[in-house]
C-alpha cells in the first residue's frame, strides 16, 4: 500500500453485513474454491 492513500471505510459506512476469514489452508486456493467454502458456511 502506498503511504497516504485513502481507502473507503465500508464498515463505518454500514456496508459490511458479515465479516469472515478464510482458514490458512484456503489462502492460496482458487477464487472458485474460496467462494465454494464461504457459500457452504
Protein backbone atom coordinates (compact mmCIF):
# COMPACT_ATOMS: atom_id res chain seq x y z
CA UNK A 1 0.00 0.00 0.00
CA UNK A 2 1.14 3.50 -0.78
CA UNK A 3 1.58 5.80 2.17
CA UNK A 4 -1.08 8.50 2.24
CA UNK A 5 -3.55 6.54 0.12
CA UNK A 6 -7.08 6.91 1.41
CA UNK A 7 -9.39 3.91 1.35
CA UNK A 8 -13.15 3.95 1.90
CA UNK A 9 -14.27 2.76 5.34
CA UNK A 10 -17.02 0.32 4.38
CA UNK A 11 -17.58 -0.73 7.99
CA UNK A 12 -18.09 2.85 9.16
CA UNK A 13 -20.50 3.43 6.26
CA UNK A 14 -22.60 0.48 7.45
CA UNK A 15 -21.98 -1.57 4.31
CA UNK A 16 -20.45 -4.63 5.99
CA UNK A 17 -23.08 -7.26 6.75
CA UNK A 18 -20.75 -10.04 7.88
CA UNK A 19 -17.00 -10.42 8.13
CA UNK A 20 -15.45 -13.86 7.82
CA UNK A 21 -11.88 -15.10 7.47
CA UNK A 22 -10.61 -17.92 5.33
CA UNK A 23 -8.61 -20.61 7.12
CA UNK A 24 -4.92 -20.54 6.27
CA UNK A 25 -5.16 -23.64 4.07
CA UNK A 26 -7.55 -21.74 1.76
CA UNK A 27 -5.33 -18.65 1.27
CA UNK A 28 -3.82 -19.88 -1.99
CA UNK A 29 -6.87 -21.75 -3.27
CA UNK A 30 -8.64 -20.53 -6.40
CA UNK A 31 -11.42 -17.97 -6.16
CA UNK A 32 -13.90 -20.69 -7.11
CA UNK A 33 -12.75 -22.90 -4.20
CA UNK A 34 -12.76 -19.99 -1.75
CA UNK A 35 -16.30 -18.89 -2.68
CA UNK A 36 -17.47 -22.52 -2.52
CA UNK A 37 -16.06 -22.73 1.02
CA UNK A 38 -17.72 -19.43 2.00
CA UNK A 39 -21.08 -20.41 0.48
CA UNK A 40 -21.03 -23.71 2.41
CA UNK A 41 -20.80 -21.89 5.77
